[in-house]
Every structure is written in C-alpha cells, then in structure tokens.
C-alpha atoms as a PDB file:
ATOM      1  CA  MET A   1     -14.030   8.393 -11.315  1.00  0.00           C
ATOM      2  CA  ARG A   2     -15.242   7.990  -7.868  1.00  0.00           C
ATOM      3  CA  VAL A   3     -12.122   6.572  -5.789  1.00  0.00           C
ATOM      4  CA  ILE A   4     -13.287   6.464  -2.191  1.00  0.00           C
ATOM      5  CA  LYS A   5     -16.883   5.721  -0.483  1.00  0.00           C
ATOM      6  CA  LYS A   6     -17.922   7.247   2.727  1.00  0.00           C
ATOM      7  CA  ASP A   7     -17.189   3.980   4.788  1.00  0.00           C
ATOM      8  CA  GLU A   8     -14.053   3.588   3.237  1.00  0.00           C
ATOM      9  CA  GLN A   9     -10.974   5.279   5.361  1.00  0.00           C
ATOM     10  CA  ILE A  10      -8.753   8.088   4.543  1.00  0.00           C
ATOM     11  CA  TYR A  11      -5.050   8.569   6.350  1.00  0.00           C
ATOM     12  CA  LEU A  12      -4.552  12.307   6.709  1.00  0.00           C
ATOM     13  CA  ALA A  13      -0.793  12.474   6.185  1.00  0.00           C
ATOM     14  CA  GLY A  14       0.854  15.756   7.334  1.00  0.00           C
ATOM     15  CA  PRO A  15       2.936  17.651   9.827  1.00  0.00           C
ATOM     16  CA  PHE A  16       1.277  19.040  12.848  1.00  0.00           C
ATOM     17  CA  PHE A  17       4.390  20.990  14.450  1.00  0.00           C
ATOM     18  CA  ASN A  18       3.246  24.233  14.415  1.00  0.00           C
ATOM     19  CA  PRO A  19      -0.156  26.333  14.814  1.00  0.00           C
ATOM     20  CA  PRO A  20      -0.502  26.394  10.864  1.00  0.00           C
ATOM     21  CA  GLN A  21       0.271  22.818  10.531  1.00  0.00           C
ATOM     22  CA  LYS A  22      -2.208  21.710  13.175  1.00  0.00           C
ATOM     23  CA  ASP A  23      -4.501  24.119  12.118  1.00  0.00           C
ATOM     24  CA  ALA A  24      -4.345  22.472   8.268  1.00  0.00           C
ATOM     25  CA  ALA A  25      -4.592  18.950   9.927  1.00  0.00           C
ATOM     26  CA  GLU A  26      -7.992  19.652  12.031  1.00  0.00           C
ATOM     27  CA  LEU A  27      -9.540  21.746   8.967  1.00  0.00           C
ATOM     28  CA  ILE A  28      -8.887  18.294   6.872  1.00  0.00           C
ATOM     29  CA  ALA A  29     -10.139  15.966   9.722  1.00  0.00           C
ATOM     30  CA  ASN A  30     -13.335  18.418  10.109  1.00  0.00           C
ATOM     31  CA  LEU A  31     -13.749  18.489   6.238  1.00  0.00           C
ATOM     32  CA  CYS A  32     -13.857  14.753   7.010  1.00  0.00           C
ATOM     33  CA  VAL A  33     -16.432  14.763   9.693  1.00  0.00           C
ATOM     34  CA  SER A  34     -18.755  17.406   8.169  1.00  0.00           C
ATOM     35  CA  HIS A  35     -18.898  15.103   5.170  1.00  0.00           C
ATOM     36  CA  CYS A  36     -19.064  11.823   7.082  1.00  0.00           C
ATOM     37  CA  GLN A  37     -16.058  10.580   5.465  1.00  0.00           C
ATOM     38  CA  LYS A  38     -14.097   7.914   7.625  1.00  0.00           C
ATOM     39  CA  TYR A  39     -10.684   8.897   8.413  1.00  0.00           C
ATOM     40  CA  PHE A  40      -7.811   8.293  10.390  1.00  0.00           C
ATOM     41  CA  SER A  41      -5.719  11.556  11.411  1.00  0.00           C
ATOM     42  CA  PRO A  42      -1.952  10.633  13.434  1.00  0.00           C
ATOM     43  CA  LEU A  43      -2.590  13.737  15.047  1.00  0.00           C
ATOM     44  CA  LEU A  44      -5.736  13.053  16.457  1.00  0.00           C
ATOM     45  CA  SER A  45      -5.104   9.617  17.482  1.00  0.00           C
ATOM     46  CA  GLY A  46      -2.207  10.129  20.034  1.00  0.00           C
ATOM     47  CA  GLY A  47       0.348  11.988  17.771  1.00  0.00           C
ATOM     48  CA  GLY A  48       2.127  14.864  19.117  1.00  0.00           C
ATOM     49  CA  PRO A  49       5.078  14.989  21.492  1.00  0.00           C
ATOM     50  CA  LEU A  50       6.092  11.674  22.234  1.00  0.00           C
ATOM     51  CA  LYS A  51       6.474  10.773  25.946  1.00  0.00           C
ATOM     52  CA  SER A  52       8.855   7.632  25.927  1.00  0.00           C
ATOM     53  CA  PRO A  53      10.190   4.861  23.511  1.00  0.00           C
ATOM     54  CA  GLU A  54       7.377   3.101  24.110  1.00  0.00           C
ATOM     55  CA  HIS A  55       4.794   5.553  23.313  1.00  0.00           C
ATOM     56  CA  ALA A  56       6.950   6.062  19.927  1.00  0.00           C
ATOM     57  CA  ALA A  57       6.556   2.368  19.128  1.00  0.00           C
ATOM     58  CA  GLU A  58       2.870   2.415  19.770  1.00  0.00           C
ATOM     59  CA  VAL A  59       2.415   5.546  17.528  1.00  0.00           C
ATOM     60  CA  PHE A  60       4.531   3.960  14.718  1.00  0.00           C
ATOM     61  CA  ALA A  61       2.667   0.740  15.049  1.00  0.00           C
ATOM     62  CA  SER A  62      -0.634   2.507  15.169  1.00  0.00           C
ATOM     63  CA  ASN A  63       0.065   4.395  11.917  1.00  0.00           C
ATOM     64  CA  VAL A  64       1.666   1.714  10.179  1.00  0.00           C
ATOM     65  CA  ARG A  65      -1.819  -0.100  10.849  1.00  0.00           C
ATOM     66  CA  GLU A  66      -3.933   2.551   9.624  1.00  0.00           C
ATOM     67  CA  ILE A  67      -1.971   3.387   6.616  1.00  0.00           C
ATOM     68  CA  ARG A  68      -2.596  -0.343   5.435  1.00  0.00           C
ATOM     69  CA  ARG A  69      -6.301  -0.227   6.224  1.00  0.00           C
ATOM     70  CA  SER A  70      -6.770   3.154   4.675  1.00  0.00           C
ATOM     71  CA  LYS A  71      -8.192   3.146   1.027  1.00  0.00           C
ATOM     72  CA  VAL A  72      -6.198   6.933   0.166  1.00  0.00           C
ATOM     73  CA  VAL A  73      -3.506   8.384   1.805  1.00  0.00           C
ATOM     74  CA  LEU A  74      -4.123  12.108   1.744  1.00  0.00           C
ATOM     75  CA  ALA A  75      -0.788  13.731   2.187  1.00  0.00           C
ATOM     76  CA  GLN A  76      -0.093  17.672   2.557  1.00  0.00           C
ATOM     77  CA  LEU A  77       3.068  18.308   0.946  1.00  0.00           C
ATOM     78  CA  GLU A  78       4.486  21.470   2.071  1.00  0.00           C
ATOM     79  CA  TRP A  79       5.781  22.708   5.310  1.00  0.00           C
ATOM     80  CA  LEU A  80       2.941  25.522   6.691  1.00  0.00           C
ATOM     81  CA  MET A  81       4.979  28.226   8.848  1.00  0.00           C
ATOM     82  CA  PRO A  82       3.590  30.589  11.042  1.00  0.00           C
ATOM     83  CA  PRO A  83       2.991  34.124   9.447  1.00  0.00           C
ATOM     84  CA  ASN A  84       6.232  36.329   9.287  1.00  0.00           C
ATOM     85  CA  ARG A  85       8.499  33.049   9.449  1.00  0.00           C
ATOM     86  CA  GLU A  86      10.477  31.167   6.999  1.00  0.00           C
ATOM     87  CA  ILE A  87      13.000  28.830   6.466  1.00  0.00           C
ATOM     88  CA  ARG A  88      16.131  29.951   4.106  1.00  0.00           C
ATOM     89  CA  VAL A  89      19.514  28.682   3.295  1.00  0.00           C
ATOM     90  CA  VAL A  90      22.273  31.313   4.148  1.00  0.00           C
ATOM     91  CA  GLY A  91      25.914  31.153   3.686  1.00  0.00           C
ATOM     92  CA  ILE A  92      28.288  29.969   1.334  1.00  0.00           C
ATOM     93  CA  SER A  93      28.668  26.321   0.133  1.00  0.00           C
ATOM     94  CA  SER A  94      30.133  24.892  -2.927  1.00  0.00           C
ATOM     95  CA  MET A  95      27.335  22.075  -3.238  1.00  0.00           C
ATOM     96  CA  VAL A  96      24.526  24.687  -3.571  1.00  0.00           C
ATOM     97  CA  LYS A  97      24.067  26.922  -6.496  1.00  0.00           C
ATOM     98  CA  ILE A  98      23.502  30.209  -4.586  1.00  0.00           C
ATOM     99  CA  PRO A  99      25.779  33.405  -5.003  1.00  0.00           C
ATOM    100  CA  PRO A 100      27.449  33.696  -1.875  1.00  0.00           C
ATOM    101  CA  THR A 101      26.291  37.120  -0.959  1.00  0.00           C
ATOM    102  CA  LEU A 102      22.154  36.024  -1.625  1.00  0.00           C
ATOM    103  CA  GLU A 103      20.189  33.726   0.487  1.00  0.00           C
ATOM    104  CA  SER A 104      17.603  31.228  -0.683  1.00  0.00           C
ATOM    105  CA  PRO A 105      14.119  31.838  -1.724  1.00  0.00           C
ATOM    106  CA  PRO A 106      12.188  30.560   1.525  1.00  0.00           C
ATOM    107  CA  LEU A 107      12.295  26.844   1.568  1.00  0.00           C
ATOM    108  CA  ASN A 108       8.912  24.615   1.298  1.00  0.00           C
ATOM    109  CA  ILE A 109       9.888  21.427   1.934  1.00  0.00           C
ATOM    110  CA  PRO A 110       7.537  17.932   2.917  1.00  0.00           C
ATOM    111  CA  ASP A 111       7.652  16.704   6.418  1.00  0.00           C
ATOM    112  CA  SER A 112       9.934  13.484   6.550  1.00  0.00           C
ATOM    113  CA  GLY A 113       7.098  11.605   8.326  1.00  0.00           C
ATOM    114  CA  THR A 114       5.075  12.579   5.678  1.00  0.00           C
ATOM    115  CA  VAL A 115       7.220  11.550   2.805  1.00  0.00           C
ATOM    116  CA  TRP A 116       7.536   7.985   4.838  1.00  0.00           C
ATOM    117  CA  GLU A 117       4.417   7.780   4.712  1.00  0.00           C
ATOM    118  CA  VAL A 118       3.822   8.716   1.030  1.00  0.00           C
ATOM    119  CA  GLY A 119       6.671   6.055   0.276  1.00  0.00           C
ATOM    120  CA  TYR A 120       5.157   3.174   2.433  1.00  0.00           C
ATOM    121  CA  ALA A 121       1.719   3.566   0.584  1.00  0.00           C
ATOM    122  CA  ALA A 122       3.482   3.359  -2.518  1.00  0.00           C
ATOM    123  CA  CYS A 123       5.263   0.578  -1.546  1.00  0.00           C
ATOM    124  CA  LEU A 124       2.254  -1.326  -0.713  1.00  0.00           C
ATOM    125  CA  ARG A 125       0.694  -0.429  -4.142  1.00  0.00           C
ATOM    126  CA  ASP A 126       3.940  -1.604  -5.800  1.00  0.00           C
ATOM    127  CA  SER A 127       4.274  -4.929  -3.737  1.00  0.00           C
ATOM    128  CA  SER A 128       0.802  -5.771  -3.977  1.00  0.00           C
ATOM    129  CA  GLN A 129       1.423  -6.118  -7.938  1.00  0.00           C
ATOM    130  CA  LEU A 130       4.043  -9.162  -6.946  1.00  0.00           C
ATOM    131  CA  GLU A 131       2.678 -12.510  -6.145  1.00  0.00           C
ATOM    132  CA  THR A 132       4.096 -12.474  -2.586  1.00  0.00           C
ATOM    133  CA  PHE A 133       1.826 -14.982  -0.312  1.00  0.00           C
ATOM    134  CA  VAL A 134       2.126 -15.316   3.489  1.00  0.00           C
ATOM    135  CA  ASN A 135       0.373 -18.298   4.600  1.00  0.00           C
ATOM    136  CA  GLY A 136      -1.515 -18.691   1.624  1.00  0.00           C
ATOM    137  CA  ALA A 137      -2.840 -15.314   1.698  1.00  0.00           C
ATOM    138  CA  PRO A 138      -2.202 -12.069  -0.412  1.00  0.00           C
ATOM    139  CA  ARG A 139       0.841 -10.393   1.158  1.00  0.00           C
ATOM    140  CA  PHE A 140      -1.177  -6.884   1.152  1.00  0.00           C
ATOM    141  CA  GLU A 141      -4.758  -6.971   1.383  1.00  0.00           C
ATOM    142  CA  LYS A 142      -5.392  -3.440   0.447  1.00  0.00           C
ATOM    143  CA  THR A 143      -3.359  -0.946  -1.428  1.00  0.00           C
ATOM    144  CA  PRO A 144      -4.026   2.839  -0.722  1.00  0.00           C
ATOM    145  CA  LEU A 145      -4.447   5.555  -3.428  1.00  0.00           C
ATOM    146  CA  VAL A 146      -1.766   8.367  -2.866  1.00  0.00           C
ATOM    147  CA  ILE A 147      -3.191  11.739  -3.075  1.00  0.00           C
ATOM    148  CA  ALA A 148      -0.926  14.636  -2.479  1.00  0.00           C
ATOM    149  CA  TYR A 149      -2.108  18.267  -1.865  1.00  0.00           C
ATOM    150  CA  THR A 150      -0.617  21.556  -1.372  1.00  0.00           C
ATOM    151  CA  THR A 151      -2.480  25.018  -0.452  1.00  0.00           C
ATOM    152  CA  ALA A 152      -0.891  26.654  -2.866  1.00  0.00           C
ATOM    153  CA  PRO A 153       0.679  24.961  -6.491  1.00  0.00           C
ATOM    154  CA  GLN A 154       3.652  23.751  -6.491  1.00  0.00           C
ATOM    155  CA  SER A 155       5.952  24.354  -9.577  1.00  0.00           C
ATOM    156  CA  LYS A 156       8.796  21.349  -8.331  1.00  0.00           C
ATOM    157  CA  LEU A 157       8.128  18.127  -6.487  1.00  0.00           C
ATOM    158  CA  ASN A 158      11.211  15.738  -6.186  1.00  0.00           C
ATOM    159  CA  LEU A 159      10.991  12.982  -8.596  1.00  0.00           C
ATOM    160  CA  MET A 160      10.643  10.179  -5.998  1.00  0.00           C
ATOM    161  CA  LEU A 161       7.740  11.728  -4.058  1.00  0.00           C
ATOM    162  CA  ALA A 162       6.046  13.016  -7.593  1.00  0.00           C
ATOM    163  CA  ARG A 163       6.150   9.650  -8.504  1.00  0.00           C
ATOM    164  CA  SER A 164       4.831   7.811  -5.517  1.00  0.00           C
ATOM    165  CA  CYS A 165       1.710   9.758  -5.481  1.00  0.00           C
ATOM    166  CA  ASP A 166      -1.330   9.044  -7.740  1.00  0.00           C
ATOM    167  CA  ALA A 167      -2.969  12.408  -7.871  1.00  0.00           C
ATOM    168  CA  TYR A 168      -2.469  15.968  -6.815  1.00  0.00           C
ATOM    169  CA  LEU A 169      -4.639  18.449  -5.467  1.00  0.00           C
ATOM    170  CA  ASN A 170      -4.038  22.105  -5.652  1.00  0.00           C
ATOM    171  CA  GLY A 171      -5.429  24.384  -3.124  1.00  0.00           C
ATOM    172  CA  TRP A 172      -8.259  23.761  -0.295  1.00  0.00           C
ATOM    173  CA  ASP A 173     -11.183  24.051  -2.515  1.00  0.00           C
ATOM    174  CA  ALA A 174      -9.835  20.751  -4.339  1.00  0.00           C
ATOM    175  CA  VAL A 175      -9.372  19.272  -1.168  1.00  0.00           C
ATOM    176  CA  HIS A 176     -12.581  19.688  -0.078  1.00  0.00           C
ATOM    177  CA  GLU A 177     -14.197  18.963  -3.179  1.00  0.00           C
ATOM    178  CA  PHE A 178     -12.387  15.353  -3.006  1.00  0.00           C
ATOM    179  CA  ILE A 179     -13.271  14.798   0.402  1.00  0.00           C
ATOM    180  CA  HIS A 180     -17.266  15.931  -0.615  1.00  0.00           C
ATOM    181  CA  THR A 181     -17.305  13.562  -3.772  1.00  0.00           C
ATOM    182  CA  GLY A 182     -14.630  10.961  -3.573  1.00  0.00           C
ATOM    183  CA  VAL A 183     -13.807  11.930  -6.782  1.00  0.00           C
ATOM    184  CA  ILE A 184     -10.575  12.806  -8.423  1.00  0.00           C
ATOM    185  CA  PRO A 185     -10.691  15.198 -11.088  1.00  0.00           C
ATOM    186  CA  ASP A 186      -9.328  13.832 -14.373  1.00  0.00           C
ATOM    187  CA  ASP A 187      -6.618  16.740 -14.468  1.00  0.00           C
ATOM    188  CA  ALA A 188      -5.074  15.996 -11.151  1.00  0.00           C
ATOM    189  CA  ARG A 189      -4.040  12.365 -12.307  1.00  0.00           C
ATOM    190  CA  THR A 190      -0.518  13.694 -12.935  1.00  0.00           C
ATOM    191  CA  PHE A 191       2.020  16.363 -11.309  1.00  0.00           C
ATOM    192  CA  LYS A 192       1.774  19.941 -13.532  1.00  0.00           C
ATOM    193  CA  GLY A 193       5.044  20.993 -12.107  1.00  0.00           C
ATOM    194  CA  LYS A 194       8.727  20.309 -12.918  1.00  0.00           C
ATOM    195  CA  GLU A 195       9.891  16.991 -11.327  1.00  0.00           C
ATOM    196  CA  GLN A 196      13.636  17.260  -9.895  1.00  0.00           C
END
C-alpha cells in the first residue's frame, strides 16, 4: 500500500554527531532528491552545533513544526560509530547483569533526539483519535506515520519505541525502495525482534 506521494513531506529523523551519522543523514536526503521526494532534514536545515539559546529555540520550533507538516517521520534507530570505535559498558554494577570481569557487547542505542521525535509523532497520531478541538477546528490536521529503519537488522528494541512506530525497514535497500515507491512492504508492518 502506498503511504506517501512525492509532494508529501518526509521528516528525516536521526543523529548527525559524527561522520558516519552525517553520511547516513545526507544519503537519505540525497535519495529523496534523486526520487523527487519532498523532505525535511534537521541536519540540512540549520541543525548542527547550536550557537545560542535563541538558536536552540529556533531549531526546536522548526523541527516540531516540520514534524507536524510531514506525512511520514523516517527515523534511524541506531547510533552509527566511526570505524574501530564502539561504546561499551565496563565495570561492576549490581544493576546490570554483566559478569564483573567482562565488558558488554558494543551498544547500539538510538539517539535521544530521534527518540523524542518518534514519541512526539506517535503522540500526534494517538491524540488525533481523540475529539480535541481548538477554536472549532481539529487540534491536529495531520498525523504522521512513523517508519523506523536500521542499516542492519535489530533483534531487540525498547517496547515504547517499538510500539510508537508504524513500520520497520531493515537496511539501505529497504529505505531506498520506500523512498522510491512510497510503499511500505506488508512484512515491515511489525517489529520482528524482541521488545524489551
């Protein structure tokens, strides 16, 4: 089923704090350009290092406005790292079930800003089902679909994040196909891994 037309906006949610993350964000934006798909990229629209509290307020307001204008929020749910670099938990803790002499496997956690954007879009979707009116008009004119993607299949995903998404794309080929066709494959409608 086609869920987006070329003139409807995709909001590109994802981290851009190191070179692999920026490359991934630019790759998705370039796919949108090459397929004439309307999009909004926080990275390419004034994101990046914040210059002042005023700039931070402008970026926040712009991103919220663009999520609300979008038909789809396409969210990258992994934290890409430069080659040969990893994030690991090391140490002893009674809170974490890791043997004290071992490190954790490399962590692959979603960016907190991306998680917020996914949650906000899901809130718009869920709120639109309520009969909430402001000045006689529906409070939310559009409710974006949330489509998550990863560059490699994920076996686990946080329950709250998994249930906030409408579809899950695994790998660049699936993302490319979605941007090209606007179609979500039937097998992408539910998360296939374990919710935690």
